[in-house]
Amino acid sequence: MAKTKNNKKSETESNKSKLKVILLGGLGEVGKNLTILEYEEDILIIDCGLGFPDDEMLGVDLVIPDTTYLEKNLEKVRGVVLTHGHEDHIGALPYVLQDVNVPVYGTRLTLGILELKLSEHIFDKKPQLNCIEAGETVTFGVFAVEFIHVNHSIADACALAITTPVGIVIHSGDFKLDLTPIESKMMDLTRLGELGNKGVLLLMCESTNAERPGYTPSEKKVGQSLDSIFLRNRNKRILISTFSSNVHRVQQIINISALYNRKVAITGRSMLNVITAATELGYMKIPSGLLIDINEIKRYKPENTTIITTGSQGEPMSALYRMAFSDHDKVELGPNDLVVLSAYAIPGNERLVDKIVNEILKRGATVFRDSMIEVHVSGHACQEELKLMQALTRPKFFMPVHGEYKHLVMHKDLAVQMGMPEDKILISETGKVLEFDADSAKFNGTVPSGPILVDGYGVGDVGNIVLRDRRHLAQDGLIVVVATVDIEDNAIISGPDIVSRGFVYVRESEELMDQVRIIARDTLEDCIEHNIKDWTQLKIKVKDDLSKFLYAKTKRKPMILPVIMNV
């Protein structure tokens, strides 16, 4: 267990201490979840997830939270507790643990998935992973964290009840109320009700589905739909694309395939990794002889096989993407194939998914999507389940988390409907510090926050200026002016030569390029004549003169890069 030294303070001084709640992600966005609880000399981290780049983040692979505050207060950080194993809750850990290498606590499957991710990175000090089970309590300095079983679209998900010096804080994690869960164990409503009777200071509850009325359907409903699909398509090869982390969904696909005497092949790196971890840890049971290697797929009749694959979000270079564009070395789609997209398109991914669907249809295959038949259910609570969480815990204060701003506001409205006073509902922002004592809450300052961009092996080296340049290049192209100048003899030795990329097609714009060359030469000669010998001034003058000319001629503003060398 994580423990700290007791700091002796007078009772009066201790009573003045506040519990700080800070979110470094997960507010005003879906993903990048990271919550900090701080009291005096102890800091606890809840989750540490990543986000995915938007259309403006050209070339960026991943987005992680800014952990500058944690790095500056490293001596206070007691550990990380994880609610479950989805990327938006654990995906940033391989990067954050490089600088904030503290003990990590989570359930078996959560840590099993995390271990696979960490194995792809090099650490000066091996991260310390500690396995716990729902129902256990772990101490982190002044914080006692109880893990409470909930249902979600991944096994081993937990809500957290954190006992602090000023009261109990409940963090819902991601959850849904599933009365017939695949894992045969419903979320622990009893314990949440007991905590509500005891008295809850603050409820932080996820808001992803706050706009959806009613209840989220059970995962078993998807199993019924899939069974019907298999029954009605005995003469087709069936390919199913879903989230790799949805172990329950994959287990249902495997069970139904076995029922219809189909062999199962897995393709996609993340799918293989999760299934391997889940099987080794006992969260999945695969009948002996059912799984075949994707390399053996042609040894079996297509109608006797099922392929489980990644790519439900249209991710370029995913297994399904490569199949759709005939670039997969083992699977070629055709009229005898039925492709089932067993996932919602995450907001922003709709075009990518539509692109894949169009290509699959061009190959003659059939596509089933959730809009056509119930092949997916959410793992997140809808409005009535969110109300249930409020009713069970009866918090003094409420903070909606994990959602875009519209989700947070809708969740606030639901709490008001439940009788919660508006002044007790706190919609925060990333980096804001919210301070609590036993009876009051107020915002007090901010900490460094914002997105840190991961591009290849680079973490944080792509910032606003680099992104601005990338957008400039993408929108207007580039012109490079190369010249050699002898400053001492006041002469242009060679050039200027003009190189254009993404601006105009040079072979069809020779006259324009000749004019650019003449203006660049005239500018350099004018500088030499007026005894301007500073390299920075020379480049600025060339850039300014060409920018004015090109905008007047084309109404475009390409990036102009003068390369002027001295002999």
Protein backbone atom coordinates (compact mmCIF):
# COMPACT_ATOMS: atom_id res chain seq x y z
CA MET A 1 0.00 0.00 0.00
CA ALA A 2 1.13 3.54 -0.74
CA LYS A 3 1.76 5.53 2.45
CA THR A 4 3.27 8.86 3.40
CA LYS A 5 4.75 10.45 6.48
CA ASN A 6 2.21 12.10 8.78
CA ASN A 7 2.64 15.86 8.85
CA LYS A 8 1.95 17.21 12.35
CA LYS A 9 -0.13 20.36 12.19
CA SER A 10 -2.31 22.12 14.71
CA GLU A 11 -6.03 21.38 14.58
CA THR A 12 -6.75 24.98 13.56
CA GLU A 13 -4.26 24.85 10.69
CA SER A 14 -5.56 21.46 9.56
CA ASN A 15 -9.13 22.74 9.46
CA LYS A 16 -8.02 25.43 7.02
CA SER A 17 -6.71 22.87 4.56
CA LYS A 18 -8.72 22.32 1.40
CA LEU A 19 -9.18 19.36 -0.90
CA LYS A 20 -8.14 20.39 -4.40
CA VAL A 21 -9.77 18.75 -7.42
CA ILE A 22 -8.05 19.43 -10.75
CA LEU A 23 -8.79 17.89 -14.14
CA LEU A 24 -6.01 17.94 -16.74
CA GLY A 25 -8.29 16.40 -19.39
CA GLY A 26 -11.75 14.99 -19.95
CA LEU A 27 -13.55 18.34 -19.76
CA GLY A 28 -14.87 19.90 -22.95
CA GLU A 29 -13.64 16.82 -24.81
CA VAL A 30 -14.11 13.07 -25.03
CA GLY A 31 -10.83 11.44 -24.01
CA LYS A 32 -7.55 12.45 -22.39
CA ASN A 33 -9.01 11.75 -18.94
CA LEU A 34 -6.81 12.67 -15.98
CA THR A 35 -8.07 13.81 -12.57
CA ILE A 36 -5.98 15.01 -9.62
CA LEU A 37 -7.00 15.02 -5.95
CA GLU A 38 -4.65 16.98 -3.70
CA TYR A 39 -4.71 17.53 0.05
CA GLU A 40 -1.74 19.18 1.75
CA GLU A 41 1.27 16.94 0.98
CA ASP A 42 -0.57 14.16 -0.89
CA ILE A 43 -1.59 13.95 -4.56
CA LEU A 44 -3.61 11.11 -6.08
CA ILE A 45 -4.00 10.65 -9.86
CA ILE A 46 -7.17 9.07 -11.27
CA ASP A 47 -6.69 7.67 -14.79
CA CYS A 48 -4.21 8.91 -17.37
CA GLY A 49 -5.65 8.66 -20.85
CA LEU A 50 -4.93 9.88 -24.34
CA GLY A 51 -6.98 11.63 -26.98
CA PHE A 52 -6.85 11.54 -30.74
CA PRO A 53 -5.83 14.49 -32.95
CA ASP A 54 -8.43 16.66 -34.63
CA ASP A 55 -8.29 17.78 -38.26
CA GLU A 56 -6.15 20.80 -37.35
CA MET A 57 -3.36 18.67 -35.81
CA LEU A 58 -1.64 17.70 -39.03
CA GLY A 59 0.72 14.73 -38.73
CA VAL A 60 0.07 14.28 -34.99
CA ASP A 61 -0.41 10.70 -33.78
CA LEU A 62 -1.74 11.12 -30.24
CA VAL A 63 -2.67 13.80 -27.72
CA ILE A 64 -1.85 13.45 -24.01
CA PRO A 65 -2.45 15.74 -20.99
CA ASP A 66 0.07 18.36 -19.88
CA THR A 67 1.52 16.96 -16.63
CA THR A 68 3.82 19.89 -15.78
CA TYR A 69 2.00 20.38 -12.46
CA LEU A 70 2.58 16.75 -11.48
CA GLU A 71 6.24 16.91 -12.46
CA LYS A 72 6.76 20.03 -10.33
CA ASN A 73 5.05 18.34 -7.36
CA LEU A 74 6.47 14.85 -7.89
CA GLU A 75 7.39 14.42 -4.21
CA LYS A 76 3.68 14.68 -3.33
CA VAL A 77 2.36 12.18 -5.90
CA ARG A 78 1.44 8.92 -4.15
CA GLY A 79 0.17 6.91 -7.08
CA VAL A 80 -2.19 6.41 -10.02
CA VAL A 81 -5.50 4.56 -9.73
CA LEU A 82 -7.18 3.31 -12.92
CA THR A 83 -10.91 2.86 -13.46
CA HIS A 84 -10.55 0.57 -16.52
CA GLY A 85 -8.39 -0.32 -19.49
CA HIS A 86 -9.60 1.89 -22.35
CA GLU A 87 -7.12 4.10 -24.21
CA ASP A 88 -8.79 7.31 -23.06
CA HIS A 89 -8.08 6.23 -19.46
CA ILE A 90 -4.67 4.48 -19.62
CA GLY A 91 -3.18 5.39 -23.02
CA ALA A 92 -1.00 8.29 -21.82
CA LEU A 93 0.72 6.30 -19.08
CA PRO A 94 3.64 5.06 -21.25
CA TYR A 95 4.54 8.73 -21.78
CA VAL A 96 3.62 10.21 -18.38
CA LEU A 97 5.42 7.48 -16.39
CA GLN A 98 8.67 8.57 -18.02
CA ASP A 99 8.65 11.69 -15.79
CA VAL A 100 6.07 10.79 -13.12
CA ASN A 101 7.07 7.21 -12.33
CA VAL A 102 4.83 6.39 -9.38
CA PRO A 103 2.98 3.18 -8.40
CA VAL A 104 -0.03 2.29 -10.58
CA TYR A 105 -3.08 0.43 -9.23
CA GLY A 106 -5.74 -1.29 -11.32
CA THR A 107 -7.71 -4.48 -11.85
CA ARG A 108 -6.18 -7.52 -13.57
CA LEU A 109 -7.38 -6.92 -17.13
CA THR A 110 -6.63 -3.20 -16.92
CA LEU A 111 -3.03 -3.92 -15.90
CA GLY A 112 -2.75 -6.76 -18.43
CA ILE A 113 -3.55 -4.36 -21.27
CA LEU A 114 -1.31 -1.67 -19.75
CA GLU A 115 1.64 -4.08 -19.49
CA LEU A 116 1.46 -4.75 -23.23
CA LYS A 117 1.54 -1.00 -23.90
CA LEU A 118 4.42 -0.38 -21.52
CA SER A 119 6.47 -3.20 -23.08
CA GLU A 120 6.75 -1.09 -26.26
CA HIS A 121 8.54 1.71 -24.36
CA ILE A 122 11.88 1.99 -22.54
CA PHE A 123 11.99 3.23 -18.93
CA ASP A 124 14.93 4.19 -16.72
CA LYS A 125 13.01 2.60 -13.86
CA LYS A 126 10.47 -0.16 -14.46
CA PRO A 127 6.94 1.04 -13.61
CA GLN A 128 5.43 -0.55 -10.50
CA LEU A 129 2.04 -2.12 -11.31
CA ASN A 130 -0.17 -3.26 -8.42
CA CYS A 131 -3.16 -5.52 -9.04
CA ILE A 132 -6.33 -5.05 -6.99
CA GLU A 133 -9.88 -6.40 -7.13
CA ALA A 134 -13.23 -4.66 -6.90
CA GLY A 135 -14.13 -4.34 -3.22
CA GLU A 136 -10.57 -3.66 -2.08
CA THR A 137 -9.39 -0.41 -0.50
CA VAL A 138 -5.89 1.05 -0.98
CA THR A 139 -4.38 3.88 1.08
CA PHE A 140 -2.45 6.75 -0.53
CA GLY A 141 -1.36 9.12 2.23
CA VAL A 142 -4.56 10.77 3.48
CA PHE A 143 -6.64 9.16 0.71
CA ALA A 144 -8.31 5.75 1.01
CA VAL A 145 -9.52 4.51 -2.38
CA GLU A 146 -12.23 1.85 -2.60
CA PHE A 147 -12.72 0.13 -5.96
CA ILE A 148 -16.40 -0.54 -6.77
CA HIS A 149 -17.47 -2.90 -9.57
CA VAL A 150 -19.42 -1.33 -12.46
CA ASN A 151 -20.49 -2.53 -15.92
CA HIS A 152 -18.87 -1.05 -19.02
CA SER A 153 -17.84 -2.16 -22.50
CA ILE A 154 -14.70 -3.70 -21.05
CA ALA A 155 -14.33 -6.15 -18.18
CA ASP A 156 -12.97 -5.20 -14.77
CA ALA A 157 -14.26 -1.61 -14.81
CA CYS A 158 -14.59 0.20 -11.48
CA ALA A 159 -15.97 3.32 -9.92
CA LEU A 160 -13.92 4.81 -7.09
CA ALA A 161 -14.97 5.95 -3.61
CA ILE A 162 -12.18 8.10 -2.17
CA THR A 163 -12.28 8.91 1.52
CA THR A 164 -10.57 12.28 2.11
CA PRO A 165 -10.12 14.46 5.22
CA VAL A 166 -13.08 16.63 4.12
CA GLY A 167 -15.48 13.91 2.97
CA ILE A 168 -16.12 11.10 0.47
CA VAL A 169 -15.52 11.72 -3.23
CA ILE A 170 -17.04 9.31 -5.75
CA HIS A 171 -15.61 9.07 -9.26
CA SER A 172 -17.96 7.04 -11.48
CA GLY A 173 -15.40 6.10 -14.11
CA ASP A 174 -17.19 4.94 -17.28
CA PHE A 175 -20.26 2.85 -16.49
CA LYS A 176 -23.69 1.61 -17.55
CA LEU A 177 -26.42 -0.32 -15.76
CA ASP A 178 -26.52 -3.74 -17.39
CA LEU A 179 -29.01 -6.07 -15.70
CA THR A 180 -27.87 -9.03 -17.83
CA PRO A 181 -24.11 -8.47 -18.20
CA ILE A 182 -21.92 -10.91 -20.08
CA GLU A 183 -19.63 -11.17 -17.05
CA SER A 184 -22.73 -12.27 -15.02
CA LYS A 185 -22.20 -9.64 -12.32
CA MET A 186 -24.20 -6.42 -12.17
CA MET A 187 -22.66 -3.16 -10.99
CA ASP A 188 -22.54 -2.82 -7.22
CA LEU A 189 -25.59 -0.60 -6.66
CA THR A 190 -25.79 -1.68 -3.02
CA ARG A 191 -22.37 -0.26 -2.16
CA LEU A 192 -23.10 3.02 -3.94
CA GLY A 193 -26.33 3.31 -1.93
CA GLU A 194 -24.46 2.61 1.31
CA LEU A 195 -22.01 5.38 0.53
CA GLY A 196 -24.92 7.69 -0.24
CA ASN A 197 -26.41 6.94 3.20
CA LYS A 198 -23.03 7.59 4.79
CA GLY A 199 -22.77 10.97 3.07
CA VAL A 200 -20.98 11.90 -0.16
CA LEU A 201 -19.24 15.25 -0.47
CA LEU A 202 -18.65 15.21 -4.24
CA LEU A 203 -19.81 13.06 -7.15
CA MET A 204 -17.78 13.25 -10.35
CA CYS A 205 -19.84 11.41 -12.96
CA GLU A 206 -19.19 10.67 -16.62
CA SER A 207 -21.33 12.57 -19.14
CA THR A 208 -20.65 10.89 -22.51
CA ASN A 209 -24.28 9.84 -23.09
CA ALA A 210 -25.94 12.66 -21.15
CA GLU A 211 -27.92 13.68 -24.26
CA ARG A 212 -29.41 10.21 -24.77
CA PRO A 213 -32.72 9.49 -23.04
CA GLY A 214 -33.65 6.20 -21.39
CA TYR A 215 -31.30 3.34 -20.56
CA THR A 216 -28.36 1.87 -22.46
CA PRO A 217 -29.32 -1.58 -23.84
CA SER A 218 -27.62 -4.69 -22.49
CA GLU A 219 -24.60 -6.14 -24.26
CA LYS A 220 -26.58 -9.37 -24.62
CA LYS A 221 -28.82 -7.58 -27.15
CA VAL A 222 -25.86 -7.45 -29.53
CA GLY A 223 -25.38 -11.20 -29.07
CA GLN A 224 -28.97 -11.79 -30.15
CA SER A 225 -28.49 -9.65 -33.28
CA LEU A 226 -25.24 -11.40 -34.15
CA ASP A 227 -26.83 -14.82 -33.71
CA SER A 228 -29.54 -13.80 -36.19
CA ILE A 229 -26.89 -12.59 -38.66
CA PHE A 230 -24.98 -15.88 -38.47
CA LEU A 231 -28.20 -17.87 -38.84
CA ARG A 232 -29.33 -15.98 -41.96
CA ASN A 233 -25.91 -15.86 -43.65
CA ARG A 234 -24.65 -19.43 -43.47
CA ASN A 235 -23.37 -19.20 -47.04
CA LYS A 236 -21.13 -16.17 -46.46
CA ARG A 237 -17.80 -15.50 -44.83
CA ILE A 238 -18.48 -13.11 -41.92
CA LEU A 239 -16.05 -10.36 -40.95
CA ILE A 240 -16.80 -8.40 -37.77
CA SER A 241 -15.03 -5.19 -36.84
CA THR A 242 -15.36 -3.92 -33.28
CA PHE A 243 -13.34 -2.17 -30.56
CA SER A 244 -10.46 -4.43 -29.58
CA SER A 245 -11.01 -3.68 -25.89
CA ASN A 246 -14.62 -4.91 -25.91
CA VAL A 247 -13.77 -8.35 -24.56
CA HIS A 248 -17.42 -9.23 -23.97
CA ARG A 249 -18.32 -8.49 -27.60
CA VAL A 250 -15.42 -10.56 -28.90
CA GLN A 251 -16.38 -13.43 -26.55
CA GLN A 252 -19.91 -13.40 -27.94
CA ILE A 253 -18.61 -13.49 -31.51
CA ILE A 254 -16.40 -16.46 -30.63
CA ASN A 255 -19.26 -18.30 -28.91
CA ILE A 256 -21.64 -17.76 -31.83
CA SER A 257 -18.97 -18.82 -34.34
CA ALA A 258 -18.47 -22.05 -32.38
CA LEU A 259 -22.24 -22.60 -32.38
CA TYR A 260 -22.31 -22.38 -36.17
CA ASN A 261 -19.15 -24.49 -36.65
CA ARG A 262 -17.01 -21.64 -37.93
CA LYS A 263 -13.29 -21.24 -37.39
CA VAL A 264 -12.20 -17.81 -36.10
CA ALA A 265 -9.22 -15.80 -37.32
CA ILE A 266 -8.01 -12.59 -35.66
CA THR A 267 -6.34 -9.72 -37.51
CA GLY A 268 -5.18 -6.34 -36.24
CA ARG A 269 -2.39 -5.77 -33.74
CA SER A 270 -4.47 -4.25 -30.93
CA MET A 271 -7.11 -6.98 -31.29
CA LEU A 272 -4.47 -9.70 -31.02
CA ASN A 273 -2.89 -8.01 -27.99
CA VAL A 274 -6.13 -7.61 -26.04
CA ILE A 275 -7.38 -11.12 -26.82
CA THR A 276 -4.02 -12.56 -25.78
CA ALA A 277 -4.09 -10.65 -22.46
CA ALA A 278 -7.77 -11.43 -21.79
CA THR A 279 -7.31 -15.14 -22.53
CA GLU A 280 -4.19 -15.48 -20.38
CA LEU A 281 -5.95 -13.73 -17.48
CA GLY A 282 -9.08 -15.85 -17.78
CA TYR A 283 -11.44 -13.13 -18.99
CA MET A 284 -12.05 -14.95 -22.26
CA LYS A 285 -12.60 -18.63 -22.94
CA ILE A 286 -11.86 -19.90 -26.43
CA PRO A 287 -12.81 -23.51 -27.32
CA SER A 288 -9.84 -25.65 -28.27
CA GLY A 289 -9.18 -25.71 -32.00
CA LEU A 290 -11.54 -22.83 -32.79
CA LEU A 291 -8.90 -20.16 -33.39
CA ILE A 292 -6.83 -20.33 -36.57
CA ASP A 293 -3.98 -18.15 -37.74
CA ILE A 294 -4.95 -15.57 -40.34
CA ASN A 295 -2.30 -17.16 -42.59
CA GLU A 296 -4.37 -20.38 -42.65
CA ILE A 297 -7.61 -18.73 -43.71
CA LYS A 298 -7.49 -20.07 -47.28
CA ARG A 299 -7.37 -23.66 -46.06
CA TYR A 300 -11.03 -23.41 -45.02
CA LYS A 301 -14.20 -22.74 -46.97
CA PRO A 302 -15.12 -19.04 -46.65
CA GLU A 303 -18.59 -19.88 -45.30
CA ASN A 304 -16.93 -21.84 -42.47
CA THR A 305 -14.88 -18.90 -41.18
CA THR A 306 -15.31 -15.75 -39.11
CA ILE A 307 -12.74 -12.96 -39.12
CA ILE A 308 -12.58 -10.57 -36.16
CA THR A 309 -10.75 -7.37 -37.06
CA THR A 310 -9.86 -3.85 -36.00
CA GLY A 311 -10.78 -0.78 -38.03
CA SER A 312 -14.36 -0.02 -36.98
CA GLN A 313 -13.49 3.70 -36.86
CA GLY A 314 -12.04 3.79 -40.37
CA GLU A 315 -8.49 4.21 -39.07
CA PRO A 316 -6.03 4.39 -41.98
CA MET A 317 -3.79 1.31 -42.10
CA SER A 318 -6.06 -0.68 -39.76
CA ALA A 319 -6.76 -4.25 -40.86
CA LEU A 320 -10.26 -3.44 -42.17
CA TYR A 321 -8.97 -0.36 -44.02
CA ARG A 322 -6.36 -2.48 -45.79
CA MET A 323 -9.01 -5.08 -46.71
CA ALA A 324 -11.31 -2.38 -48.09
CA PHE A 325 -8.54 -1.03 -50.32
CA SER A 326 -7.29 -4.49 -51.37
CA ASP A 327 -4.04 -3.97 -49.48
CA HIS A 328 -4.35 -6.80 -46.94
CA ASP A 329 -1.93 -9.62 -47.73
CA LYS A 330 -4.21 -12.38 -46.36
CA VAL A 331 -7.82 -11.27 -46.91
CA GLU A 332 -9.42 -10.16 -50.15
CA LEU A 333 -13.04 -9.02 -49.99
CA GLY A 334 -15.63 -10.17 -52.51
CA PRO A 335 -19.35 -10.87 -53.09
CA ASN A 336 -19.27 -13.84 -50.69
CA ASP A 337 -18.32 -11.62 -47.73
CA LEU A 338 -20.52 -9.95 -45.09
CA VAL A 339 -18.82 -7.17 -43.13
CA VAL A 340 -20.41 -6.20 -39.80
CA LEU A 341 -19.37 -2.88 -38.22
CA SER A 342 -20.14 -3.58 -34.57
CA ALA A 343 -19.36 -0.10 -33.25
CA TYR A 344 -20.64 3.47 -33.35
CA ALA A 345 -18.60 5.96 -35.36
CA ILE A 346 -16.93 8.20 -32.78
CA PRO A 347 -17.83 11.87 -33.49
CA GLY A 348 -15.36 13.13 -36.09
CA ASN A 349 -14.77 9.68 -37.60
CA GLU A 350 -17.94 9.54 -39.69
CA ARG A 351 -16.21 10.41 -42.96
CA LEU A 352 -13.48 7.83 -42.42
CA VAL A 353 -16.06 5.12 -41.71
CA ASP A 354 -18.15 6.09 -44.74
CA LYS A 355 -15.02 5.94 -46.88
CA ILE A 356 -14.34 2.35 -45.80
CA VAL A 357 -18.00 1.34 -46.28
CA ASN A 358 -17.98 2.70 -49.84
CA GLU A 359 -14.81 0.79 -50.70
CA ILE A 360 -16.15 -2.46 -49.19
CA LEU A 361 -19.33 -2.12 -51.25
CA LYS A 362 -17.23 -1.57 -54.38
CA ARG A 363 -15.67 -4.98 -53.75
CA GLY A 364 -19.16 -6.52 -53.94
CA ALA A 365 -19.35 -7.36 -50.22
CA THR A 366 -22.37 -6.67 -48.00
CA VAL A 367 -22.15 -4.27 -45.05
CA PHE A 368 -24.25 -4.26 -41.87
CA ARG A 369 -24.04 -1.22 -39.60
CA ASP A 370 -25.71 -0.32 -36.34
CA SER A 371 -28.08 2.06 -38.14
CA MET A 372 -29.43 -0.97 -40.02
CA ILE A 373 -29.44 -3.65 -37.33
CA GLU A 374 -28.58 -3.67 -33.62
CA VAL A 375 -24.96 -4.78 -33.76
CA HIS A 376 -23.65 -2.34 -31.17
CA VAL A 377 -24.64 -0.91 -27.80
CA SER A 378 -22.86 1.81 -25.91
CA GLY A 379 -20.83 1.18 -22.77
CA HIS A 380 -21.89 4.52 -21.28
CA ALA A 381 -24.85 5.45 -19.08
CA CYS A 382 -27.83 7.20 -20.64
CA GLN A 383 -30.00 9.75 -18.83
CA GLU A 384 -31.97 7.41 -16.56
CA GLU A 385 -28.79 5.63 -15.42
CA LEU A 386 -27.12 8.97 -14.71
CA LYS A 387 -30.15 9.92 -12.62
CA LEU A 388 -29.84 6.60 -10.78
CA MET A 389 -26.22 7.40 -9.88
CA GLN A 390 -27.39 10.75 -8.47
CA ALA A 391 -30.23 9.10 -6.53
CA LEU A 392 -27.99 6.45 -4.98
CA THR A 393 -25.10 8.70 -3.94
CA ARG A 394 -27.04 11.91 -3.05
CA PRO A 395 -23.91 14.09 -3.18
CA LYS A 396 -23.58 17.50 -1.52
CA PHE A 397 -21.73 18.76 -4.62
CA PHE A 398 -21.78 17.47 -8.20
CA MET A 399 -19.26 17.84 -11.03
CA PRO A 400 -20.12 16.43 -14.47
CA VAL A 401 -16.95 15.12 -16.20
CA HIS A 402 -15.85 13.18 -19.27
CA GLY A 403 -17.63 14.92 -22.11
CA GLU A 404 -17.83 17.87 -24.44
CA TYR A 405 -19.25 21.07 -22.97
CA LYS A 406 -22.73 20.28 -24.32
CA HIS A 407 -22.63 16.93 -22.46
CA LEU A 408 -21.60 18.61 -19.21
CA VAL A 409 -24.42 21.18 -19.45
CA MET A 410 -27.01 18.48 -20.22
CA HIS A 411 -25.77 16.46 -17.25
CA LYS A 412 -26.12 19.56 -15.07
CA ASP A 413 -29.74 19.89 -16.24
CA LEU A 414 -30.40 16.25 -15.27
CA ALA A 415 -29.01 16.92 -11.79
CA VAL A 416 -31.27 19.96 -11.45
CA GLN A 417 -34.24 17.76 -12.41
CA MET A 418 -33.20 15.46 -9.55
CA GLY A 419 -33.50 18.36 -7.11
CA MET A 420 -29.83 19.33 -6.92
CA PRO A 421 -29.38 23.09 -6.23
CA GLU A 422 -27.69 24.80 -9.17
CA ASP A 423 -25.10 26.45 -6.93
CA LYS A 424 -23.94 22.96 -5.86
CA ILE A 425 -23.28 21.87 -9.47
CA LEU A 426 -19.79 22.76 -10.70
CA ILE A 427 -18.88 22.74 -14.38
CA SER A 428 -15.12 23.09 -14.45
CA GLU A 429 -12.51 23.55 -17.18
CA THR A 430 -9.22 21.83 -17.85
CA GLY A 431 -6.57 23.17 -15.47
CA LYS A 432 -8.96 24.95 -13.08
CA VAL A 433 -8.43 24.31 -9.36
CA LEU A 434 -11.60 23.53 -7.41
CA GLU A 435 -11.22 23.68 -3.61
CA PHE A 436 -13.48 21.92 -1.11
CA ASP A 437 -13.96 21.81 2.60
CA ALA A 438 -16.74 19.89 4.32
CA ASP A 439 -19.35 22.55 3.56
CA SER A 440 -18.21 24.71 0.64
CA ALA A 441 -16.58 24.68 -2.77
CA LYS A 442 -14.96 27.39 -4.83
CA PHE A 443 -12.67 27.84 -7.83
CA ASN A 444 -9.23 29.12 -6.93
CA GLY A 445 -6.69 29.60 -9.70
CA THR A 446 -5.35 27.34 -12.42
CA VAL A 447 -2.43 25.01 -13.12
CA PRO A 448 -0.58 24.44 -16.42
CA SER A 449 -2.77 22.40 -18.75
CA GLY A 450 -3.56 21.73 -22.36
CA PRO A 451 -2.75 19.18 -25.04
CA ILE A 452 0.74 17.71 -25.47
CA LEU A 453 1.14 16.38 -29.00
CA VAL A 454 2.87 13.09 -29.75
CA ASP A 455 4.34 12.79 -33.24
CA GLY A 456 6.34 9.60 -33.79
CA TYR A 457 8.92 9.44 -31.00
CA GLY A 458 8.59 13.16 -30.29
CA VAL A 459 6.54 14.14 -27.25
CA GLY A 460 5.69 17.82 -26.98
CA ASP A 461 8.11 18.99 -29.67
CA VAL A 462 5.22 19.80 -32.01
CA GLY A 463 3.55 22.96 -30.76
CA ASN A 464 1.37 25.76 -32.09
CA ILE A 465 4.10 27.26 -34.27
CA VAL A 466 4.92 23.93 -35.94
CA LEU A 467 1.21 23.21 -36.47
CA ARG A 468 0.74 26.68 -37.93
CA ASP A 469 3.58 26.03 -40.39
CA ARG A 470 2.10 22.63 -41.31
CA ARG A 471 -1.30 24.21 -41.96
CA HIS A 472 0.37 26.94 -44.01
CA LEU A 473 2.20 24.37 -46.11
CA ALA A 474 -0.93 22.25 -46.52
CA GLN A 475 -3.09 25.18 -47.59
CA ASP A 476 -0.75 27.33 -49.70
CA GLY A 477 2.39 25.35 -50.50
CA LEU A 478 6.05 26.32 -50.43
CA ILE A 479 8.48 28.31 -52.56
CA VAL A 480 12.22 28.01 -51.90
CA VAL A 481 14.56 30.69 -53.24
CA VAL A 482 18.20 29.55 -53.47
CA ALA A 483 21.01 32.01 -54.25
CA THR A 484 24.75 32.38 -53.62
CA VAL A 485 26.04 35.89 -52.90
CA ASP A 486 29.59 37.25 -52.50
CA ILE A 487 29.12 40.02 -49.95
CA GLU A 488 32.71 41.30 -50.23
CA ASP A 489 32.54 41.73 -54.02
CA ASN A 490 28.87 42.80 -53.96
CA ALA A 491 27.91 40.18 -56.53
CA ILE A 492 25.37 37.40 -57.05
CA ILE A 493 27.45 34.32 -57.88
CA SER A 494 24.59 31.91 -58.72
CA GLY A 495 20.82 31.87 -58.82
CA PRO A 496 18.41 32.70 -57.64
CA ASP A 497 16.86 29.29 -58.37
CA ILE A 498 13.21 28.73 -57.56
CA VAL A 499 11.76 25.48 -56.17
CA SER A 500 7.97 25.18 -55.79
CA ARG A 501 6.11 22.49 -53.85
CA GLY A 502 2.32 22.46 -53.43
CA PHE A 503 1.93 25.98 -54.84
CA VAL A 504 1.71 25.66 -58.62
CA TYR A 505 2.73 23.01 -61.11
CA VAL A 506 6.02 24.47 -62.36
CA ARG A 507 5.84 23.07 -65.92
CA GLU A 508 2.53 24.84 -66.48
CA SER A 509 3.60 28.06 -64.76
CA GLU A 510 7.00 28.77 -66.25
CA GLU A 511 6.19 32.42 -66.91
CA LEU A 512 5.19 32.97 -63.28
CA MET A 513 8.34 31.22 -62.03
CA ASP A 514 10.47 33.38 -64.34
CA GLN A 515 8.87 36.49 -62.86
CA VAL A 516 9.52 35.19 -59.35
CA ARG A 517 13.17 34.59 -60.27
CA ILE A 518 13.54 38.12 -61.70
CA ILE A 519 11.97 39.78 -58.65
CA ALA A 520 14.17 37.76 -56.28
CA ARG A 521 17.27 38.76 -58.27
CA ASP A 522 16.22 42.44 -58.40
CA THR A 523 15.66 42.43 -54.65
CA LEU A 524 19.08 40.92 -53.94
CA GLU A 525 20.80 43.39 -56.30
CA ASP A 526 18.97 46.30 -54.65
CA CYS A 527 20.14 45.11 -51.20
CA ILE A 528 23.73 44.80 -52.40
CA GLU A 529 23.57 48.24 -54.00
CA HIS A 530 22.34 49.76 -50.71
CA ASN A 531 25.05 47.91 -48.79
CA ILE A 532 22.63 45.65 -46.88
CA LYS A 533 24.84 42.77 -45.77
CA ASP A 534 22.92 41.34 -42.81
CA TRP A 535 21.69 37.85 -43.77
CA THR A 536 18.44 38.18 -41.82
CA GLN A 537 17.58 41.46 -43.54
CA LEU A 538 18.40 40.00 -46.97
CA LYS A 539 16.04 37.07 -46.40
CA ILE A 540 13.24 39.24 -44.99
CA LYS A 541 13.44 41.61 -47.99
CA VAL A 542 13.28 38.71 -50.50
CA LYS A 543 10.39 37.14 -48.60
CA ASP A 544 8.39 40.38 -48.37
CA ASP A 545 8.83 41.36 -52.04
CA LEU A 546 7.88 37.88 -53.30
CA SER A 547 4.89 37.66 -50.94
CA LYS A 548 3.46 40.95 -52.26
CA PHE A 549 4.00 39.93 -55.87
CA LEU A 550 2.53 36.43 -55.54
CA TYR A 551 -0.53 37.62 -53.63
CA ALA A 552 -1.21 40.30 -56.24
CA LYS A 553 -0.85 37.72 -59.03
CA THR A 554 -2.54 34.65 -57.48
CA LYS A 555 -4.34 35.75 -54.24
CA ARG A 556 -2.33 32.99 -52.53
CA LYS A 557 0.18 33.19 -49.70
CA PRO A 558 2.68 30.32 -50.03
CA MET A 559 5.38 29.86 -47.42
CA ILE A 560 8.52 31.49 -48.84
CA LEU A 561 11.85 30.11 -47.68
CA PRO A 562 14.93 32.09 -48.86
CA VAL A 563 18.18 30.09 -48.75
CA ILE A 564 21.01 32.62 -49.31
CA MET A 565 24.60 31.43 -49.04
CA ASN A 566 27.84 33.39 -48.86
CA VAL A 567 31.03 32.53 -50.71
